[in-house]
Amino acid sequence: MDSSMVVFRSASTTTPITTATITTTTTNKLPSSTSNEKPYYAKRPHRKSRTGCRNCKSRKVKCDEGRPSCRACTVRSDICVYPVITPRTGSSGSSGSSSSKSKSSPPTAYDASRPKTSSPVVKEPLFIAAGHDETDMKLLWFFTNATYVSFSSGPYKERNVNKVLKIDVIQHCFANPFLMDCVLGLASMHINMLGNHRELHVPPSRELVYRARAIEGYRKAVNRADPKTYPALLACSLLLVGLSTYIFRSEDAEPLCITNWITIWRGIGVIIDITSLPKLAQSGLLPLVYRPEVDLDRATQHIPASLVFMVANLETSSRQLSPALTPPPSSPPSCSSPSEDFDEKPYMDAYRLALKYLGSLYLELSHGFSYMLIWRIMTFFTFLPAKFIEALGRRRPPALVILSHYLAFTQFNVKFVWWLAGIAEHEIPSIFAYLGPQWAHFLQVPMTAYQIADEVERARYILNDPTWVPKEVKVKLEPETSEAEKELQKLSVEEVERLKEAPEEVAKRKIKYKNC
């Protein structure tokens, strides 16, 4: 080979360059003093992100272009928006014309003289998963931006479920169709209840299809009992609580249908019973089943006096209710009216325990409107004993009276938990009509409270304190962690594996953590 010829080899081509070329290039680009010049190395080839989201472009960071939300926006809890990519025209023209254009007007990175124009953006993700259409993706986007909030519990370290609901649950959706249908059905119901999202409106027939497929798929998955679907079953059992509230707002809603709705709440406990604690810890969905501890001793002091009298009067009866509580003899025992000679003794302990948990709502309300009040209202049914649920299923008057007092509290949650809307308005009058005027004394507070529109006035009436003023409650971002949660946070990967081999230790821990 000629000594004046040097060959540079790259990853793709081999280009001969003469010594004269090297001399000319060096003379034009390097300083005159070349005694300490460094050797030239070609840049390592790398992939640029040319279709990244607008947030990453403004922050000048590389976007991984994940759909519906890139990783950077997910970590920063930002709304990920991608610009519309318009196809280029004229790319198939002749090589001569394109070369002439490039010579006459070389491309520039940025022209300050040109006016700034904002490219159109879309509010829904462009990515459409296999087996789904554009409407499904819009609903999925709406769930991760709005609907999930109704299952959040505020900035509590023990139950920081925003990431779980927006990311982990969605990942399980694509692997479990019944969970996907539940999420899409819930988002559809939310949009249709708001009524101000015309571009996202979902036909009622499609909402019905989502709901029917979610319930049917959930039942089949429970019957199969495949351990791989346990995390999805847990998430679905929680979301079904909100999805099933359509029974209170439909035109043909039956009275006292809340007894059926409560059984769905109890389904969460069933899933926890068949799922091991390490399995929940590994799935990342464990925060969904967190419940705040209840101080029953303090709660007992806030039980309404009328309800204490009702239970005390029941204790003095043998096989029938006392005269003050007994329905008139003329009403025959049937499914539409309470029977007069029913033994309440098997349910007395359940009534007393249910009153204590009801007292915790009065105690929390006396402190003001807070995130803890919201979450105590949400988790009330998960604390109730099985005997009390049985009494509700049999429509026992004392159980229905206690339930009506609880329903008066649900109206405080409506602006945070949209799917609770209409439950108190439908069920409290139904309970009053079912029990009759002989129980009117015990139903006076809920019957009046649910008709009061102002929250402060309603709270004053429930607490029987006309001078009550809501205290300014400062919600702590990192409140004290309960003993149960401290132990849960200590669960390492090694300990999770060890617990798999020690079922008796898992059983001890489940006593502390399980919901129902």
Protein backbone atom coordinates (compact mmCIF):
# COMPACT_ATOMS: atom_id res chain seq x y z
CA MET A 1 0.00 0.00 0.00
CA ASP A 2 1.15 3.55 -0.79
CA SER A 3 2.67 5.21 2.31
CA SER A 4 0.74 8.40 1.57
CA MET A 5 -2.56 6.53 1.90
CA VAL A 6 -4.08 5.89 5.34
CA VAL A 7 -7.14 3.74 5.84
CA PHE A 8 -9.65 4.59 8.64
CA ARG A 9 -11.99 1.73 9.48
CA SER A 10 -15.35 2.38 11.13
CA ALA A 11 -18.14 0.05 12.11
CA SER A 12 -19.91 0.34 8.76
CA THR A 13 -17.56 1.51 5.93
CA THR A 14 -13.91 1.70 4.98
CA THR A 15 -12.95 5.12 3.55
CA PRO A 16 -9.52 5.90 2.04
CA ILE A 17 -8.22 9.31 3.01
CA THR A 18 -5.06 10.82 1.60
CA THR A 19 -2.35 12.51 3.59
CA ALA A 20 -3.19 15.78 1.90
CA THR A 21 -6.76 15.57 3.13
CA ILE A 22 -5.60 15.03 6.69
CA THR A 23 -3.21 17.97 6.45
CA THR A 24 -5.92 20.29 5.11
CA THR A 25 -8.42 19.28 7.77
CA THR A 26 -5.93 19.67 10.56
CA THR A 27 -4.86 23.09 9.31
CA ASN A 28 -8.45 24.39 9.21
CA LYS A 29 -9.72 23.05 12.55
CA LEU A 30 -6.76 22.80 14.93
CA PRO A 31 -4.55 25.58 16.38
CA SER A 32 -1.17 26.28 14.86
CA SER A 33 0.62 24.63 17.78
CA THR A 34 0.10 20.89 17.32
CA SER A 35 2.75 19.58 19.63
CA ASN A 36 0.21 18.59 22.36
CA GLU A 37 -2.75 17.78 20.12
CA LYS A 38 -4.93 14.84 21.21
CA PRO A 39 -5.91 12.04 18.85
CA TYR A 40 -9.36 12.21 17.31
CA TYR A 41 -11.94 9.58 18.25
CA ALA A 42 -15.27 9.13 16.52
CA LYS A 43 -18.33 9.57 18.75
CA ARG A 44 -19.95 6.38 19.92
CA PRO A 45 -23.18 5.85 17.98
CA HIS A 46 -26.30 6.37 20.12
CA ARG A 47 -30.03 6.59 19.57
CA LYS A 48 -31.64 9.97 19.95
CA SER A 49 -35.21 10.44 21.14
CA ARG A 50 -36.89 12.41 18.38
CA THR A 51 -40.49 11.62 19.35
CA GLY A 52 -40.26 12.09 23.10
CA CYS A 53 -42.91 13.75 25.25
CA ARG A 54 -43.12 17.50 25.71
CA ASN A 55 -42.06 17.41 29.39
CA CYS A 56 -38.81 15.59 28.63
CA LYS A 57 -38.07 17.94 25.72
CA SER A 58 -38.60 21.01 27.89
CA ARG A 59 -36.34 19.55 30.59
CA LYS A 60 -33.79 18.50 27.93
CA VAL A 61 -33.61 14.90 29.08
CA LYS A 62 -33.86 11.74 27.03
CA CYS A 63 -37.39 10.29 26.95
CA ASP A 64 -37.90 6.52 26.90
CA GLU A 65 -41.12 7.15 24.89
CA GLY A 66 -43.15 4.81 27.09
CA ARG A 67 -46.89 4.78 26.50
CA PRO A 68 -49.27 5.94 27.90
CA SER A 69 -46.75 7.65 30.21
CA CYS A 70 -42.96 7.67 30.03
CA ARG A 71 -40.89 6.73 33.04
CA ALA A 72 -39.72 10.28 33.80
CA CYS A 73 -43.29 11.64 33.90
CA THR A 74 -44.43 8.67 35.97
CA VAL A 75 -41.72 9.28 38.58
CA ARG A 76 -42.47 13.03 38.69
CA SER A 77 -46.27 12.44 38.69
CA ASP A 78 -46.62 14.67 35.62
CA ILE A 79 -49.18 14.30 32.84
CA CYS A 80 -47.28 12.82 29.90
CA VAL A 81 -48.27 14.46 26.60
CA TYR A 82 -46.80 13.55 23.22
CA PRO A 83 -46.84 15.95 20.27
CA VAL A 84 -48.60 14.95 17.08
CA ILE A 85 -46.10 13.74 14.50
CA THR A 86 -47.16 14.90 11.04
CA PRO A 87 -45.83 12.90 8.07
CA ARG A 88 -43.26 14.65 5.90
CA THR A 89 -44.20 15.44 2.32
CA GLY A 90 -41.97 15.39 -0.70
CA SER A 91 -39.63 12.74 0.64
CA SER A 92 -40.04 10.68 -2.53
CA GLY A 93 -38.81 13.44 -4.84
CA SER A 94 -35.85 13.21 -7.21
CA SER A 95 -32.36 13.16 -5.81
CA GLY A 96 -31.37 16.11 -7.97
CA SER A 97 -34.06 18.41 -6.60
CA SER A 98 -33.37 17.40 -3.01
CA SER A 99 -29.66 17.98 -3.43
CA SER A 100 -30.27 21.40 -4.96
CA LYS A 101 -32.54 22.36 -2.04
CA SER A 102 -29.96 21.28 0.47
CA LYS A 103 -27.28 23.37 -1.24
CA SER A 104 -29.42 26.48 -1.52
CA SER A 105 -30.90 26.44 2.01
CA PRO A 106 -28.93 24.35 4.49
CA PRO A 107 -30.93 23.13 7.48
CA THR A 108 -30.59 24.99 10.76
CA ALA A 109 -31.26 23.78 14.28
CA TYR A 110 -33.24 26.85 15.29
CA ASP A 111 -34.19 30.07 13.55
CA ALA A 112 -34.84 32.89 16.03
CA SER A 113 -36.46 35.06 13.37
CA ARG A 114 -39.27 32.56 12.78
CA PRO A 115 -42.36 32.93 14.97
CA LYS A 116 -42.88 30.27 17.64
CA THR A 117 -45.77 27.93 16.89
CA SER A 118 -47.06 25.41 19.40
CA SER A 119 -47.68 21.99 17.94
CA PRO A 120 -51.11 20.49 18.65
CA VAL A 121 -51.25 18.07 21.57
CA VAL A 122 -53.58 15.23 22.40
CA LYS A 123 -55.18 14.52 25.76
CA GLU A 124 -55.35 10.78 25.24
CA PRO A 125 -52.51 8.35 24.61
CA LEU A 126 -51.78 7.40 21.03
CA PHE A 127 -50.77 3.88 21.99
CA ILE A 128 -53.50 1.27 21.50
CA ALA A 129 -52.85 -2.12 23.06
CA ALA A 130 -53.67 -5.32 21.24
CA GLY A 131 -57.27 -6.39 21.76
CA HIS A 132 -58.42 -2.87 22.66
CA ASP A 133 -59.65 0.17 20.78
CA GLU A 134 -59.30 3.91 21.14
CA THR A 135 -62.20 4.15 23.61
CA ASP A 136 -60.54 1.64 25.91
CA MET A 137 -57.32 3.65 25.91
CA LYS A 138 -59.20 6.88 26.63
CA LEU A 139 -60.93 5.24 29.60
CA LEU A 140 -57.64 3.83 30.85
CA TRP A 141 -56.12 7.30 30.66
CA PHE A 142 -59.11 8.77 32.52
CA PHE A 143 -58.80 6.17 35.30
CA THR A 144 -55.11 6.93 35.87
CA ASN A 145 -55.77 10.68 35.96
CA ALA A 146 -59.11 11.04 37.78
CA THR A 147 -61.02 7.90 38.79
CA TYR A 148 -58.28 6.34 40.91
CA VAL A 149 -58.43 9.26 43.37
CA SER A 150 -61.69 7.92 44.86
CA PHE A 151 -59.77 4.91 46.20
CA SER A 152 -56.90 6.95 47.59
CA SER A 153 -56.77 7.92 51.26
CA GLY A 154 -54.73 11.08 51.29
CA PRO A 155 -51.04 11.60 52.00
CA TYR A 156 -50.61 8.77 54.49
CA LYS A 157 -47.31 6.96 54.49
CA GLU A 158 -48.97 3.70 55.53
CA ARG A 159 -51.32 3.73 52.55
CA ASN A 160 -49.62 5.65 49.79
CA VAL A 161 -51.55 3.88 47.06
CA ASN A 162 -51.40 6.45 44.26
CA LYS A 163 -48.52 4.66 42.55
CA VAL A 164 -50.18 1.28 43.17
CA LEU A 165 -53.44 2.37 41.55
CA LYS A 166 -51.87 4.23 38.62
CA ILE A 167 -49.09 1.80 37.72
CA ASP A 168 -49.18 -1.58 39.47
CA VAL A 169 -52.91 -2.16 39.05
CA ILE A 170 -52.73 -1.17 35.37
CA GLN A 171 -49.91 -3.65 34.79
CA HIS A 172 -52.09 -6.42 36.23
CA CYS A 173 -54.95 -5.25 33.98
CA PHE A 174 -53.15 -6.24 30.80
CA ALA A 175 -52.54 -9.74 32.19
CA ASN A 176 -56.05 -10.22 33.63
CA PRO A 177 -59.00 -9.22 31.42
CA PHE A 178 -61.52 -9.23 34.30
CA LEU A 179 -59.51 -6.53 36.09
CA MET A 180 -59.23 -4.52 32.88
CA ASP A 181 -63.00 -4.66 32.41
CA CYS A 182 -63.49 -3.54 36.01
CA VAL A 183 -61.19 -0.53 35.53
CA LEU A 184 -62.82 0.44 32.22
CA GLY A 185 -66.32 0.01 33.65
CA LEU A 186 -65.47 2.17 36.65
CA ALA A 187 -64.02 4.92 34.45
CA SER A 188 -67.10 4.75 32.19
CA MET A 189 -69.45 5.14 35.15
CA HIS A 190 -67.38 8.05 36.49
CA ILE A 191 -67.45 9.90 33.15
CA ASN A 192 -71.19 9.38 32.68
CA MET A 193 -71.91 10.58 36.24
CA LEU A 194 -69.90 13.76 35.65
CA GLY A 195 -71.72 14.44 32.40
CA ASN A 196 -69.36 17.24 31.30
CA HIS A 197 -66.94 15.20 29.19
CA ARG A 198 -68.68 14.97 25.85
CA GLU A 199 -65.52 13.91 24.05
CA LEU A 200 -65.19 10.98 26.49
CA HIS A 201 -68.87 10.05 26.77
CA VAL A 202 -69.41 6.28 26.88
CA PRO A 203 -72.74 4.79 25.73
CA PRO A 204 -74.64 3.15 28.62
CA SER A 205 -74.70 -0.11 26.67
CA ARG A 206 -70.90 -0.20 26.59
CA GLU A 207 -70.68 0.61 30.29
CA LEU A 208 -73.03 -2.31 30.92
CA VAL A 209 -70.83 -4.64 28.85
CA TYR A 210 -67.74 -3.67 30.86
CA ARG A 211 -69.58 -4.23 34.15
CA ALA A 212 -71.07 -7.58 33.15
CA ARG A 213 -67.76 -8.91 31.86
CA ALA A 214 -65.93 -7.72 34.99
CA ILE A 215 -68.34 -9.43 37.40
CA GLU A 216 -68.49 -12.65 35.37
CA GLY A 217 -64.72 -12.77 34.91
CA TYR A 218 -64.17 -12.10 38.60
CA ARG A 219 -66.43 -15.02 39.58
CA LYS A 220 -64.68 -17.40 37.20
CA ALA A 221 -61.25 -16.33 38.47
CA VAL A 222 -62.34 -16.91 42.08
CA ASN A 223 -63.58 -20.39 41.19
CA ARG A 224 -60.32 -21.25 39.39
CA ALA A 225 -58.26 -19.98 42.36
CA ASP A 226 -55.10 -19.65 40.29
CA PRO A 227 -52.33 -18.23 42.53
CA LYS A 228 -51.07 -16.14 39.60
CA THR A 229 -54.32 -14.14 39.61
CA TYR A 230 -54.45 -13.46 43.39
CA PRO A 231 -53.04 -9.90 43.16
CA ALA A 232 -55.50 -9.05 40.37
CA LEU A 233 -58.35 -10.58 42.37
CA LEU A 234 -57.47 -8.42 45.36
CA ALA A 235 -57.43 -5.23 43.27
CA CYS A 236 -60.65 -6.23 41.50
CA SER A 237 -62.45 -6.98 44.78
CA LEU A 238 -61.70 -3.43 45.93
CA LEU A 239 -62.67 -1.74 42.65
CA LEU A 240 -65.88 -3.79 42.43
CA VAL A 241 -67.07 -2.04 45.59
CA GLY A 242 -67.27 1.19 43.61
CA LEU A 243 -68.43 -0.41 40.36
CA SER A 244 -71.37 -2.16 42.04
CA THR A 245 -72.86 1.07 43.42
CA TYR A 246 -74.84 1.40 40.18
CA ILE A 247 -77.57 -0.61 41.95
CA PHE A 248 -78.44 2.44 44.06
CA ARG A 249 -78.80 4.83 41.11
CA SER A 250 -80.60 2.71 38.54
CA GLU A 251 -84.25 3.37 37.76
CA ASP A 252 -85.31 -0.05 39.04
CA ALA A 253 -83.23 0.10 42.24
CA GLU A 254 -84.72 -2.16 44.91
CA PRO A 255 -85.09 -1.02 48.54
CA LEU A 256 -82.52 -2.32 51.04
CA CYS A 257 -80.19 -3.47 48.27
CA ILE A 258 -77.35 -2.30 50.48
CA THR A 259 -77.36 -5.71 52.16
CA ASN A 260 -76.14 -7.17 48.86
CA TRP A 261 -73.55 -4.42 48.46
CA ILE A 262 -72.04 -5.17 51.86
CA THR A 263 -71.30 -8.75 50.79
CA ILE A 264 -69.03 -7.31 48.08
CA TRP A 265 -67.11 -5.47 50.79
CA ARG A 266 -66.71 -8.77 52.60
CA GLY A 267 -65.27 -10.27 49.41
CA ILE A 268 -62.04 -8.36 50.07
CA GLY A 269 -61.55 -10.39 53.23
CA VAL A 270 -62.15 -13.63 51.34
CA ILE A 271 -59.39 -12.83 48.86
CA ILE A 272 -57.02 -11.94 51.69
CA ASP A 273 -57.81 -15.23 53.40
CA ILE A 274 -56.81 -17.28 50.35
CA THR A 275 -53.75 -15.13 49.56
CA SER A 276 -50.60 -15.45 51.64
CA LEU A 277 -49.01 -12.34 53.13
CA PRO A 278 -45.71 -12.83 51.26
CA LYS A 279 -47.62 -13.11 47.99
CA LEU A 280 -49.30 -9.77 48.65
CA ALA A 281 -45.98 -8.20 49.64
CA GLN A 282 -44.34 -9.38 46.43
CA SER A 283 -47.20 -8.13 44.25
CA GLY A 284 -46.84 -4.57 45.56
CA LEU A 285 -50.59 -4.32 46.28
CA LEU A 286 -50.33 -4.70 50.05
CA PRO A 287 -51.00 -0.97 50.73
CA LEU A 288 -54.50 -1.39 49.25
CA VAL A 289 -55.64 -3.41 52.29
CA TYR A 290 -54.28 -1.09 54.97
CA ARG A 291 -56.78 0.08 57.61
CA PRO A 292 -56.28 2.67 60.36
CA GLU A 293 -56.39 1.26 63.86
CA VAL A 294 -59.43 2.06 66.01
CA ASP A 295 -59.31 3.04 69.68
CA LEU A 296 -62.46 1.21 70.80
CA ASP A 297 -62.26 2.51 74.37
CA ARG A 298 -62.42 6.14 73.26
CA ALA A 299 -64.94 5.32 70.54
CA THR A 300 -67.34 3.80 73.09
CA GLN A 301 -67.68 7.20 74.78
CA HIS A 302 -69.08 8.73 71.57
CA ILE A 303 -71.87 6.24 70.82
CA PRO A 304 -75.26 8.04 70.61
CA ALA A 305 -77.32 7.57 73.78
CA SER A 306 -80.40 6.47 71.83
CA LEU A 307 -78.52 3.53 70.31
CA VAL A 308 -77.07 2.54 73.69
CA PHE A 309 -80.61 2.49 75.06
CA MET A 310 -81.81 0.39 72.13
CA VAL A 311 -79.20 -2.34 72.68
CA ALA A 312 -79.67 -2.25 76.45
CA ASN A 313 -83.41 -2.71 75.98
CA LEU A 314 -82.76 -5.70 73.74
CA GLU A 315 -80.70 -7.37 76.45
CA THR A 316 -83.67 -7.40 78.83
CA SER A 317 -85.89 -9.27 76.35
CA SER A 318 -86.00 -13.04 76.08
CA ARG A 319 -87.68 -14.25 72.89
CA GLN A 320 -89.27 -11.01 71.76
CA LEU A 321 -88.56 -7.34 71.72
CA SER A 322 -89.61 -5.07 74.57
CA PRO A 323 -92.94 -3.20 74.16
CA ALA A 324 -91.17 0.01 73.18
CA LEU A 325 -89.36 -1.75 70.35
CA THR A 326 -91.88 -4.40 69.26
CA PRO A 327 -93.61 -3.91 65.89
CA PRO A 328 -97.43 -3.99 66.03
CA PRO A 329 -98.96 -7.51 66.13
CA SER A 330 -101.01 -6.73 63.03
CA SER A 331 -97.93 -6.83 60.79
CA PRO A 332 -97.40 -10.42 59.64
CA PRO A 333 -93.84 -11.73 59.55
CA SER A 334 -92.62 -11.67 55.94
CA CYS A 335 -89.66 -10.62 53.87
CA SER A 336 -91.11 -7.09 53.59
CA SER A 337 -91.57 -6.40 57.31
CA PRO A 338 -89.60 -7.32 60.46
CA SER A 339 -90.95 -10.27 62.41
CA GLU A 340 -91.96 -9.58 66.00
CA ASP A 341 -90.80 -12.77 67.71
CA PHE A 342 -87.19 -13.08 66.63
CA ASP A 343 -84.49 -13.89 69.16
CA GLU A 344 -81.85 -11.12 69.12
CA LYS A 345 -79.59 -12.70 71.74
CA PRO A 346 -77.26 -14.45 69.24
CA TYR A 347 -76.51 -11.03 67.74
CA MET A 348 -76.05 -8.98 70.90
CA ASP A 349 -72.24 -9.11 70.91
CA ALA A 350 -72.21 -8.16 67.23
CA TYR A 351 -74.49 -5.18 67.90
CA ARG A 352 -72.28 -3.93 70.72
CA LEU A 353 -69.10 -4.24 68.64
CA ALA A 354 -70.73 -2.53 65.65
CA LEU A 355 -71.76 0.36 67.90
CA LYS A 356 -68.14 0.83 69.00
CA TYR A 357 -66.97 1.12 65.41
CA LEU A 358 -69.83 3.51 64.73
CA GLY A 359 -68.66 5.55 67.72
CA SER A 360 -65.25 5.89 66.05
CA LEU A 361 -66.95 7.87 63.26
CA TYR A 362 -68.52 10.25 65.78
CA LEU A 363 -65.13 10.59 67.49
CA GLU A 364 -63.34 11.41 64.25
CA LEU A 365 -66.04 13.85 63.13
CA SER A 366 -65.70 15.76 66.41
CA HIS A 367 -62.10 16.51 65.37
CA GLY A 368 -63.19 18.02 62.06
CA PHE A 369 -63.22 17.04 58.40
CA SER A 370 -60.02 15.11 57.78
CA TYR A 371 -58.54 12.40 55.61
CA MET A 372 -58.82 10.01 58.56
CA LEU A 373 -62.57 10.58 58.74
CA ILE A 374 -62.84 9.76 55.03
CA TRP A 375 -60.92 6.55 55.42
CA ARG A 376 -62.76 5.45 58.57
CA ILE A 377 -66.03 5.81 56.66
CA MET A 378 -64.56 3.82 53.77
CA THR A 379 -63.31 0.93 55.91
CA PHE A 380 -66.29 0.72 58.30
CA PHE A 381 -67.72 -2.47 56.79
CA THR A 382 -64.39 -4.28 56.92
CA PHE A 383 -64.43 -4.11 60.74
CA LEU A 384 -67.95 -5.42 61.25
CA PRO A 385 -68.21 -8.97 62.62
CA ALA A 386 -69.74 -11.74 60.54
CA LYS A 387 -72.72 -12.03 62.89
CA PHE A 388 -73.66 -8.41 62.26
CA ILE A 389 -73.53 -9.00 58.49
CA GLU A 390 -75.78 -12.00 59.03
CA ALA A 391 -78.23 -9.84 60.98
CA LEU A 392 -78.26 -7.33 58.12
CA GLY A 393 -78.92 -10.13 55.66
CA ARG A 394 -81.92 -11.15 57.76
CA ARG A 395 -82.96 -7.48 57.96
CA ARG A 396 -83.01 -7.37 61.73
CA PRO A 397 -84.29 -3.97 62.95
CA PRO A 398 -81.37 -3.19 65.34
CA ALA A 399 -78.83 -3.89 62.60
CA LEU A 400 -80.73 -1.71 60.12
CA VAL A 401 -80.92 1.14 62.64
CA ILE A 402 -77.15 1.04 63.19
CA LEU A 403 -76.65 0.92 59.42
CA SER A 404 -78.84 3.98 58.85
CA HIS A 405 -76.70 6.02 61.29
CA TYR A 406 -73.60 5.00 59.36
CA LEU A 407 -75.17 6.00 56.04
CA ALA A 408 -75.60 9.55 57.31
CA PHE A 409 -71.79 9.80 57.43
CA THR A 410 -71.30 8.69 53.82
CA GLN A 411 -72.54 12.06 52.57
CA PHE A 412 -69.37 13.68 53.96
CA ASN A 413 -67.37 11.55 51.50
CA VAL A 414 -69.33 12.23 48.32
CA LYS A 415 -67.09 15.04 47.06
CA PHE A 416 -64.04 12.80 47.53
CA VAL A 417 -65.59 9.40 46.74
CA TRP A 418 -67.96 10.06 43.85
CA TRP A 419 -69.41 6.52 43.75
CA LEU A 420 -70.96 6.97 47.22
CA ALA A 421 -73.36 9.55 45.79
CA GLY A 422 -77.02 8.63 46.18
CA ILE A 423 -76.59 5.72 48.59
CA ALA A 424 -77.79 7.54 51.72
CA GLU A 425 -80.65 9.21 49.81
CA HIS A 426 -81.86 5.82 48.59
CA GLU A 427 -81.30 3.58 51.60
CA ILE A 428 -82.20 5.67 54.65
CA PRO A 429 -85.83 6.25 53.50
CA SER A 430 -86.01 2.58 52.51
CA ILE A 431 -84.99 1.51 56.02
CA PHE A 432 -87.53 3.89 57.57
CA ALA A 433 -90.31 2.55 55.33
CA TYR A 434 -89.37 -1.04 56.11
CA LEU A 435 -89.20 -0.67 59.90
CA GLY A 436 -92.25 1.55 60.24
CA PRO A 437 -93.10 4.39 62.63
CA GLN A 438 -92.50 2.27 65.76
CA TRP A 439 -88.74 2.61 65.08
CA ALA A 440 -88.95 6.28 64.09
CA HIS A 441 -87.38 7.44 67.36
CA PHE A 442 -84.13 5.59 66.58
CA LEU A 443 -84.15 6.76 62.95
CA GLN A 444 -84.79 10.46 63.61
CA VAL A 445 -81.14 11.53 63.32
CA PRO A 446 -80.31 9.83 59.98
CA MET A 447 -83.71 10.74 58.50
CA THR A 448 -83.08 14.43 59.21
CA ALA A 449 -79.31 14.49 58.58
CA TYR A 450 -79.36 13.16 55.02
CA GLN A 451 -81.68 16.02 54.00
CA ILE A 452 -79.34 18.76 55.29
CA ALA A 453 -77.27 20.12 52.39
CA ASP A 454 -74.70 22.14 54.36
CA GLU A 455 -71.92 19.91 55.70
CA VAL A 456 -71.28 21.95 58.84
CA GLU A 457 -74.96 22.07 59.75
CA ARG A 458 -75.25 18.33 59.11
CA ALA A 459 -72.26 17.65 61.35
CA ARG A 460 -73.73 19.81 64.11
CA TYR A 461 -77.00 17.91 63.95
CA ILE A 462 -75.31 14.50 63.99
CA LEU A 463 -73.07 15.48 66.91
CA ASN A 464 -75.97 17.24 68.67
CA ASP A 465 -73.76 20.29 69.17
CA PRO A 466 -75.12 23.57 67.68
CA THR A 467 -71.86 25.39 68.50
CA TRP A 468 -69.57 22.86 66.83
CA VAL A 469 -67.00 24.38 64.49
CA PRO A 470 -64.72 22.20 62.35
CA LYS A 471 -61.18 22.37 63.59
CA GLU A 472 -58.37 23.15 61.22
CA VAL A 473 -56.89 19.71 60.79
CA LYS A 474 -53.35 19.67 59.43
CA VAL A 475 -52.80 16.38 57.70
CA LYS A 476 -49.31 15.06 58.36
CA LEU A 477 -47.42 13.86 55.32
CA GLU A 478 -45.63 11.21 57.37
CA PRO A 479 -47.81 10.27 60.36
CA GLU A 480 -46.79 7.81 63.01
CA THR A 481 -46.63 4.29 61.71
CA SER A 482 -48.66 1.63 63.48
CA GLU A 483 -46.92 -1.36 64.96
CA ALA A 484 -48.43 -3.62 62.32
CA GLU A 485 -47.14 -1.44 59.49
CA LYS A 486 -43.68 -1.20 61.10
CA GLU A 487 -43.41 -4.96 60.93
CA LEU A 488 -44.68 -5.02 57.36
CA GLN A 489 -42.06 -2.50 56.30
CA LYS A 490 -39.35 -4.73 57.73
CA LEU A 491 -40.27 -7.54 55.36
CA SER A 492 -37.22 -8.06 53.17
CA VAL A 493 -37.00 -10.35 50.19
CA GLU A 494 -35.17 -12.94 52.28
CA GLU A 495 -37.82 -12.82 54.98
CA VAL A 496 -40.59 -13.19 52.42
CA GLU A 497 -38.93 -16.35 51.15
CA ARG A 498 -38.55 -17.60 54.71
CA LEU A 499 -42.21 -16.96 55.49
CA LYS A 500 -43.16 -19.20 52.61
CA GLU A 501 -41.61 -22.09 54.55
CA ALA A 502 -43.24 -21.08 57.86
CA PRO A 503 -47.06 -21.10 57.49
CA GLU A 504 -47.61 -20.78 61.22
CA GLU A 505 -45.71 -17.48 61.31
CA VAL A 506 -47.70 -16.20 58.35
CA ALA A 507 -50.89 -17.03 60.23
CA LYS A 508 -49.73 -14.98 63.22
CA ARG A 509 -48.96 -11.98 61.04
CA LYS A 510 -52.23 -12.24 59.13
CA ILE A 511 -54.11 -11.79 62.40
CA LYS A 512 -52.66 -8.27 62.54
CA TYR A 513 -52.96 -7.25 58.94
CA LYS A 514 -55.96 -8.83 57.30
CA ASN A 515 -58.95 -6.60 56.65
CA CYS A 516 -61.92 -8.77 57.39
